[in-house]
Protein backbone atom coordinates (compact mmCIF):
# COMPACT_ATOMS: atom_id res chain seq x y z
CA MET A 1 29.02 -71.84 49.38
CA ALA A 2 27.45 -68.40 49.00
CA ILE A 3 29.65 -65.51 47.96
CA HIS A 4 30.34 -63.07 50.80
CA ILE A 5 31.09 -59.40 50.11
CA LYS A 6 33.25 -57.52 52.59
CA GLU A 7 33.81 -53.77 52.69
CA ILE A 8 37.45 -52.91 53.30
CA ARG A 9 38.06 -50.93 56.46
CA ASP A 10 41.73 -51.39 57.41
CA LYS A 11 45.19 -51.42 55.88
CA GLU A 12 45.56 -55.20 56.05
CA ASP A 13 42.44 -55.72 53.96
CA LEU A 14 43.51 -52.98 51.57
CA ARG A 15 46.79 -54.78 50.95
CA ALA A 16 44.85 -57.98 50.26
CA PHE A 17 42.68 -55.98 47.83
CA VAL A 18 45.78 -54.81 45.95
CA LYS A 19 47.53 -58.20 45.98
CA PHE A 20 44.50 -60.04 44.60
CA ASN A 21 45.24 -58.71 41.12
CA ILE A 22 48.77 -60.12 41.25
CA ASP A 23 47.62 -63.46 42.66
CA LEU A 24 44.82 -63.86 40.09
CA TYR A 25 47.16 -63.38 37.13
CA GLU A 26 50.15 -65.30 38.48
CA GLY A 27 51.90 -66.97 35.56
CA ASN A 28 49.94 -65.08 32.90
CA PRO A 29 52.50 -63.96 30.27
CA TYR A 30 50.55 -60.82 29.25
CA HIS A 31 49.67 -59.33 32.62
CA VAL A 32 51.92 -56.57 33.97
CA PRO A 33 51.54 -56.10 37.73
CA GLY A 34 51.83 -52.67 39.25
CA LEU A 35 53.78 -51.90 42.40
CA ILE A 36 51.80 -52.76 45.52
CA ASP A 37 52.96 -49.71 47.49
CA ASP A 38 52.05 -47.34 44.65
CA GLU A 39 48.52 -48.72 44.40
CA MET A 40 48.16 -48.64 48.19
CA MET A 41 49.01 -44.94 48.11
CA THR A 42 46.52 -44.29 45.29
CA LEU A 43 43.72 -45.93 47.28
CA ASP A 44 44.65 -44.31 50.61
CA LYS A 45 42.16 -41.59 51.52
CA HIS A 46 44.76 -39.82 53.65
CA ARG A 47 47.54 -39.72 51.04
CA ASN A 48 45.91 -39.23 47.64
CA PRO A 49 44.86 -35.57 47.14
CA ALA A 50 42.10 -36.69 44.76
CA PHE A 51 40.07 -37.30 47.92
CA ASP A 52 39.65 -33.55 48.24
CA PHE A 53 36.82 -34.02 45.71
CA CYS A 54 36.41 -37.81 45.46
CA GLU A 55 34.93 -40.46 47.69
CA SER A 56 35.33 -44.20 47.39
CA ILE A 57 34.47 -47.61 48.75
CA TYR A 58 36.33 -50.91 48.28
CA PHE A 59 34.88 -54.43 48.32
CA LEU A 60 36.38 -57.91 48.39
CA ALA A 61 34.41 -61.03 47.41
CA TYR A 62 35.04 -64.22 49.39
CA ASP A 63 34.16 -67.83 48.69
CA GLY A 64 34.61 -69.21 52.17
CA CYS A 65 37.99 -67.90 53.28
CA LYS A 66 39.31 -67.42 49.74
CA ILE A 67 39.32 -64.04 48.00
CA VAL A 68 37.68 -64.42 44.58
CA GLY A 69 37.11 -60.82 43.48
CA ARG A 70 37.55 -57.12 44.15
CA ILE A 71 36.01 -53.82 43.04
CA ALA A 72 36.27 -50.13 43.92
CA GLY A 73 33.45 -47.63 43.76
CA ILE A 74 34.48 -44.02 43.16
CA ILE A 75 32.57 -40.76 42.91
CA ASN A 76 34.59 -37.95 41.38
CA HIS A 77 32.48 -34.89 42.17
CA ARG A 78 34.71 -32.61 40.13
CA ALA A 79 34.27 -34.77 37.02
CA ASN A 80 30.52 -34.90 37.61
CA ASP A 81 30.39 -31.11 37.81
CA THR A 82 32.47 -30.82 34.64
CA TRP A 83 30.40 -33.27 32.62
CA LYS A 84 27.01 -32.32 34.15
CA GLN A 85 26.22 -35.84 35.32
CA HIS A 86 25.57 -37.88 38.47
CA TYR A 87 27.70 -40.93 37.82
CA ALA A 88 29.75 -43.17 40.05
CA ARG A 89 32.75 -45.03 38.68
CA PHE A 90 33.88 -48.60 39.16
CA GLY A 91 37.54 -49.49 38.93
CA PHE A 92 40.31 -51.74 40.27
CA VAL A 93 38.04 -54.63 39.29
CA ASP A 94 39.09 -58.28 39.09
CA PHE A 95 37.23 -61.54 39.62
CA VAL A 96 37.35 -65.26 38.92
CA ASP A 97 35.20 -66.67 36.12
CA ASP A 98 32.09 -67.12 38.22
CA GLU A 99 28.95 -65.09 37.50
CA ALA A 100 27.90 -65.28 41.14
CA VAL A 101 31.09 -63.42 42.07
CA SER A 102 30.83 -60.64 39.47
CA LYS A 103 27.10 -60.21 40.21
CA ALA A 104 27.75 -59.83 43.94
CA LEU A 105 30.59 -57.35 43.41
CA PHE A 106 28.68 -55.12 41.01
CA GLU A 107 25.50 -55.25 43.07
CA ALA A 108 27.50 -54.02 46.06
CA VAL A 109 29.03 -51.08 44.22
CA GLU A 110 25.76 -50.20 42.44
CA THR A 111 23.86 -50.20 45.75
CA TRP A 112 26.47 -47.86 47.20
CA ALA A 113 26.24 -45.57 44.16
CA ILE A 114 22.45 -45.37 44.44
CA SER A 115 22.73 -44.59 48.16
CA LYS A 116 24.90 -41.61 47.18
CA GLY A 117 22.25 -40.30 44.76
CA MET A 118 24.00 -41.42 41.57
CA ASN A 119 21.93 -42.40 38.52
CA GLY A 120 24.65 -44.13 36.52
CA ILE A 121 27.93 -45.97 36.88
CA GLN A 122 30.78 -46.07 34.37
CA GLY A 123 34.17 -47.68 34.20
CA PRO A 124 36.67 -49.07 34.64
CA LEU A 125 37.97 -45.64 35.63
CA GLY A 126 40.12 -44.38 38.46
CA PHE A 127 40.31 -41.15 40.38
CA THR A 128 42.16 -39.38 37.55
CA ASP A 129 43.43 -40.09 34.04
CA LEU A 130 46.74 -41.15 35.59
CA ASP A 131 45.01 -44.25 36.97
CA HIS A 132 44.20 -47.26 34.80
CA GLU A 133 41.27 -46.72 32.45
CA GLY A 134 39.23 -49.10 30.32
CA LEU A 135 38.68 -52.84 30.20
CA LEU A 136 40.72 -54.80 27.70
CA VAL A 137 38.28 -56.13 25.07
CA TRP A 138 40.68 -56.97 22.24
CA GLY A 139 44.38 -57.84 22.11
CA PHE A 140 44.51 -60.40 24.90
CA ASP A 141 47.65 -61.97 23.42
CA ARG A 142 49.71 -58.78 23.82
CA VAL A 143 51.82 -57.85 26.82
CA GLY A 144 50.42 -54.86 28.69
CA THR A 145 52.25 -51.71 29.73
CA MET A 146 52.85 -50.04 33.07
CA ALA A 147 50.08 -47.54 32.27
CA THR A 148 47.38 -50.14 31.53
CA ALA A 149 45.62 -53.08 33.18
CA TYR A 150 45.22 -56.55 31.72
CA SER A 151 41.93 -58.44 32.00
CA PHE A 152 40.74 -61.89 31.03
CA PRO A 153 38.32 -62.11 28.06
CA TYR A 154 35.50 -63.31 30.29
CA TYR A 155 35.32 -59.95 32.11
CA MET A 156 33.48 -58.24 29.25
CA GLU A 157 31.06 -61.16 28.96
CA HIS A 158 30.16 -60.82 32.63
CA LEU A 159 29.64 -57.05 32.29
CA ALA A 160 27.34 -57.51 29.31
CA LYS A 161 25.17 -59.95 31.30
CA LEU A 162 25.02 -57.41 34.14
CA GLY A 163 23.58 -54.77 31.81
CA TYR A 164 26.69 -52.72 31.04
CA VAL A 165 27.03 -51.27 27.53
CA LYS A 166 29.83 -49.58 25.62
CA ASP A 167 30.37 -45.94 26.55
CA GLN A 168 33.75 -45.26 24.95
CA ASP A 169 36.71 -47.15 23.44
CA TRP A 170 40.43 -46.50 23.49
CA GLN A 171 42.86 -47.95 20.97
CA GLU A 172 46.56 -48.72 21.38
CA PHE A 173 49.12 -48.88 18.61
CA CYS A 174 52.55 -50.34 18.02
CA ILE A 175 54.62 -47.96 15.91
CA THR A 176 57.70 -49.08 14.02
CA ILE A 177 60.44 -46.52 14.63
CA PRO A 178 61.87 -45.35 11.31
CA LYS A 179 65.61 -45.27 10.82
CA GLU A 180 65.40 -41.65 9.76
CA ILE A 181 63.07 -38.73 10.45
CA PRO A 182 60.29 -38.75 7.82
CA GLU A 183 61.03 -36.00 5.29
CA LYS A 184 57.69 -34.30 5.92
CA HIS A 185 58.29 -34.25 9.68
CA GLN A 186 61.67 -32.64 9.20
CA ARG A 187 60.33 -30.01 6.85
CA ILE A 188 57.30 -29.21 9.01
CA SER A 189 59.39 -29.06 12.19
CA GLU A 190 61.76 -26.47 10.79
CA LEU A 191 58.85 -24.34 9.52
CA VAL A 192 56.92 -24.59 12.81
CA MET A 193 59.88 -23.56 14.95
CA LYS A 194 60.48 -20.49 12.81
CA LYS A 195 56.83 -19.49 12.36
CA TYR A 196 55.76 -19.74 16.02
CA GLY A 197 59.04 -18.98 17.77
CA LEU A 198 59.36 -22.45 19.30
CA THR A 199 62.36 -24.43 20.45
CA ILE A 200 63.06 -27.92 21.76
CA LYS A 201 64.01 -28.22 25.42
CA LYS A 202 66.11 -31.13 26.72
CA PHE A 203 67.44 -31.94 30.18
CA LYS A 204 70.70 -33.35 31.47
CA ASN A 205 69.93 -33.40 35.20
CA SER A 206 67.01 -33.11 37.59
CA ARG A 207 67.97 -29.57 38.57
CA GLN A 208 67.16 -28.44 35.03
CA ILE A 209 63.73 -30.07 34.83
CA TRP A 210 62.29 -28.94 38.17
CA PRO A 211 61.39 -25.42 36.94
CA TYR A 212 59.28 -27.08 34.22
CA ALA A 213 57.71 -29.85 36.31
CA LYS A 214 54.50 -28.01 37.19
CA LYS A 215 54.29 -26.58 33.68
CA ILE A 216 54.19 -30.14 32.34
CA PHE A 217 51.09 -31.00 34.37
CA LYS A 218 49.48 -27.64 33.63
CA LEU A 219 49.80 -28.48 29.93
CA TRP A 220 48.37 -31.94 30.66
CA ASN A 221 45.29 -30.19 32.09
CA GLU A 222 44.92 -27.96 29.03
CA ALA A 223 45.46 -30.68 26.43
CA TYR A 224 43.32 -33.41 28.02
CA LYS A 225 40.50 -31.27 29.43
CA PRO A 226 38.05 -31.96 26.53
CA LEU A 227 38.58 -35.74 26.61
CA TYR A 228 36.22 -38.37 27.95
CA GLY A 229 35.78 -38.34 31.71
CA TYR A 230 38.74 -36.03 32.33
CA SER A 231 39.03 -34.56 35.81
CA GLU A 232 41.23 -31.48 35.93
CA LEU A 233 44.19 -31.83 38.28
CA SER A 234 44.24 -29.45 41.23
CA ASP A 235 47.39 -27.63 42.32
CA LYS A 236 47.63 -30.06 45.24
CA GLN A 237 47.42 -33.03 42.87
CA ILE A 238 50.04 -31.50 40.59
CA ASP A 239 52.43 -31.16 43.54
CA TYR A 240 51.68 -34.79 44.46
CA TYR A 241 52.38 -36.11 40.95
CA VAL A 242 55.47 -33.95 40.50
CA LYS A 243 57.03 -35.50 43.61
CA MET A 244 55.90 -38.99 42.59
CA TYR A 245 56.76 -39.10 38.89
CA ILE A 246 59.48 -36.58 38.02
CA PRO A 247 62.24 -38.49 39.91
CA MET A 248 61.22 -41.68 38.04
CA LEU A 249 61.61 -40.26 34.55
CA ARG A 250 64.52 -40.80 32.21
CA LEU A 251 65.41 -37.23 31.34
CA ASP A 252 66.96 -37.83 27.95
CA LEU A 253 63.69 -39.39 26.73
CA ILE A 254 61.64 -36.32 27.61
CA THR A 255 61.03 -33.69 24.96
CA LEU A 256 59.41 -30.34 25.64
CA VAL A 257 58.47 -27.74 23.05
CA ILE A 258 58.94 -24.27 24.51
CA ARG A 259 57.64 -20.91 23.31
CA GLU A 260 60.74 -18.76 23.38
CA ALA A 261 58.89 -15.51 24.12
CA ASP A 262 57.71 -16.56 27.58
CA ASP A 263 59.24 -20.02 28.23
CA ALA A 264 55.77 -21.63 28.18
CA VAL A 265 55.48 -25.38 27.55
CA VAL A 266 53.29 -25.86 24.46
CA GLY A 267 54.17 -29.48 23.63
CA LEU A 268 55.48 -32.45 25.55
CA ALA A 269 56.43 -36.08 25.08
CA ILE A 270 57.27 -38.23 28.07
CA THR A 271 58.61 -41.62 27.03
CA LEU A 272 60.27 -44.49 28.87
CA PRO A 273 61.87 -47.81 27.94
CA SER A 274 59.25 -50.53 28.37
CA LEU A 275 59.11 -51.65 31.99
CA SER A 276 56.65 -54.48 31.34
CA GLU A 277 59.08 -57.40 31.64
CA ALA A 278 60.81 -55.82 34.64
CA LEU A 279 57.49 -55.35 36.46
CA GLN A 280 56.57 -58.96 35.76
CA LYS A 281 59.83 -60.04 37.37
CA ALA A 282 59.35 -57.66 40.31
CA LYS A 283 55.91 -59.19 41.10
CA GLY A 284 54.62 -56.03 42.71
CA SER A 285 57.55 -55.17 44.94
CA LEU A 286 60.79 -53.22 44.68
CA LEU A 287 62.35 -55.42 47.38
CA PRO A 288 64.43 -57.44 47.54
CA PHE A 289 65.40 -57.35 43.85
CA GLY A 290 62.52 -55.70 42.00
CA TRP A 291 64.43 -52.43 41.79
CA VAL A 292 67.28 -54.23 40.00
CA HIS A 293 64.97 -55.41 37.20
CA LEU A 294 63.49 -51.92 36.82
CA LEU A 295 66.90 -50.26 36.76
CA LYS A 296 68.14 -52.64 34.05
CA ALA A 297 65.03 -51.99 31.96
CA MET A 298 65.44 -48.23 32.31
CA TYR A 299 69.13 -47.94 31.52
CA GLY A 300 70.40 -51.33 30.32
CA LYS A 301 70.93 -52.46 26.75
CA GLY A 302 68.70 -54.77 24.75
CA ASN A 303 65.32 -53.17 25.44
CA LYS A 304 63.74 -52.79 21.99
CA THR A 305 60.46 -51.16 23.04
CA VAL A 306 59.83 -47.61 24.19
CA ASP A 307 56.49 -46.60 25.70
CA LEU A 308 54.89 -43.27 24.78
CA TYR A 309 53.35 -42.36 28.11
CA ILE A 310 52.24 -38.77 27.58
CA ILE A 311 52.05 -36.77 24.38
CA GLY A 312 50.30 -33.43 24.70
CA ILE A 313 49.97 -30.24 22.69
CA ALA A 314 48.53 -26.96 23.97
CA PRO A 315 45.07 -26.43 22.40
CA GLU A 316 46.12 -23.32 20.47
CA TYR A 317 48.94 -25.28 18.78
CA GLN A 318 47.05 -28.46 17.92
CA SER A 319 46.89 -29.33 14.20
CA ARG A 320 49.76 -26.90 13.58
CA GLY A 321 52.60 -29.38 13.26
CA VAL A 322 53.94 -29.23 16.82
CA ASN A 323 53.56 -33.01 17.21
CA ALA A 324 55.98 -33.42 14.27
CA LEU A 325 58.46 -31.35 16.25
CA LEU A 326 58.33 -33.88 19.10
CA PHE A 327 59.24 -36.79 16.82
CA TYR A 328 61.82 -34.68 15.03
CA ASP A 329 63.69 -34.79 18.34
CA LEU A 330 62.75 -38.28 19.56
CA ILE A 331 63.36 -40.45 16.48
CA PRO A 332 67.15 -39.93 16.41
CA MET A 333 67.22 -40.54 20.19
CA PHE A 334 65.21 -43.75 19.87
CA ASN A 335 67.57 -45.02 17.16
CA LYS A 336 70.60 -44.09 19.24
CA TYR A 337 69.42 -46.36 22.05
CA GLY A 338 68.36 -49.22 19.79
CA PHE A 339 64.59 -48.96 20.19
CA GLU A 340 62.79 -50.59 17.28
CA ARG A 341 59.15 -50.02 18.21
CA ALA A 342 57.04 -47.73 20.33
CA GLU A 343 53.76 -48.45 22.10
CA SER A 344 51.21 -45.71 22.40
CA ASN A 345 49.13 -45.08 25.47
CA PRO A 346 45.39 -45.72 25.02
CA GLU A 347 43.93 -43.19 22.57
CA LEU A 348 40.21 -42.46 22.32
CA GLU A 349 38.88 -43.97 19.11
CA LEU A 350 37.07 -40.70 18.31
CA ASN A 351 40.19 -38.58 18.85
CA LYS A 352 41.24 -38.35 15.22
CA LYS A 353 43.70 -35.55 15.98
CA VAL A 354 45.95 -37.77 18.06
CA GLN A 355 45.60 -40.75 15.72
CA SER A 356 46.57 -38.64 12.72
CA GLN A 357 50.07 -38.21 14.13
CA TRP A 358 50.85 -41.82 13.15
CA GLU A 359 49.94 -41.15 9.51
CA TYR A 360 53.54 -41.18 8.32
CA PHE A 361 54.61 -44.19 10.40
CA GLU A 362 54.18 -47.94 10.03
CA THR A 363 51.63 -48.76 12.72
CA GLU A 364 49.63 -51.72 13.99
CA HIS A 365 46.46 -51.52 16.09
CA ILE A 366 47.22 -53.99 18.89
CA LYS A 367 44.70 -53.46 21.72
CA THR A 368 41.30 -51.97 22.43
CA ARG A 369 39.98 -50.92 25.83
CA ARG A 370 36.42 -50.02 26.71
CA ALA A 371 34.61 -47.94 29.29
CA PHE A 372 31.17 -49.32 30.10
CA LEU A 373 28.07 -47.54 31.35
CA LYS A 374 24.97 -48.68 33.21
CA LEU A 375 22.10 -46.40 34.18
CA LEU A 376 20.84 -46.99 37.70
CA LYS A 377 17.29 -46.92 39.04
CA ASN A 378 16.91 -45.17 42.36
């Protein structure tokens, strides 16, 4: 039977679009499903403030009555203006191992991109850097994290046959947490605090962190602005993410570096106990018992892995030892709670500054993700 492509136009189809990822990977020990309601909100043109400067289209592939694939097309006009390009993005992509399916999906999104005047398409990318980025191309036998998407090995083979080539790679690392702060980190941290008038800021309750919430995302904008495909967050987006993410954080695992003279945030580390196993048990939903698994992972004992979700340093303080100051605070905390290893977020392979921070740790490169590019003919 021929593959049929359907553009999504209502909430019921959108939920089917989101659930397909969970259904496709059911029983896979390495896939970590997201929360259905969170992804629904991300894709909702009336709720996600990214649509102030983005447009999108969503397709499902059917074999008869059965869903066999999905793909989103996105145009981030702000990113295009920043990077002086006319590219669409593809993202939220999943499909069965059938070349007819992947060909139909990508033809649909490419045709849409061309109709919008785009001359290239890159991905997997989302609306912002807070969405999943990159296709897993190495490390298929490793459990994913909440911040990343798993994909079967055949995905990259299909993309290559469709004419997509490497545009950029990200690498992920597993870092063994030392029992003590490395001597050099301790020495550098004390010098940096004194030289630049910096101090470490910690929080005991949500009332204390709210005055810094927007400052955190402002620093995110400053630190990540030069990186591949970055789209600067608007004030409206910052408000959106503050309300969404700040209540979810575990405050004792957040470290801010503050400039004492003006209370500016010049360094940040947002970390969380690994939620991978809990999300697998939740199967995309907080109800009826998904929230119990997540709560146990966040605050229960026995979780040996901590995820390093965001590490950022203000541009004027990069390569000045401020990252050592973050681990000066976090390592004793990690040991206190029994964490034995940390997983990094994806790091651009060309970003030697961020990779150099693991120089004094025992690390293992465990995964690689790739953004692909295809030039389009109008």
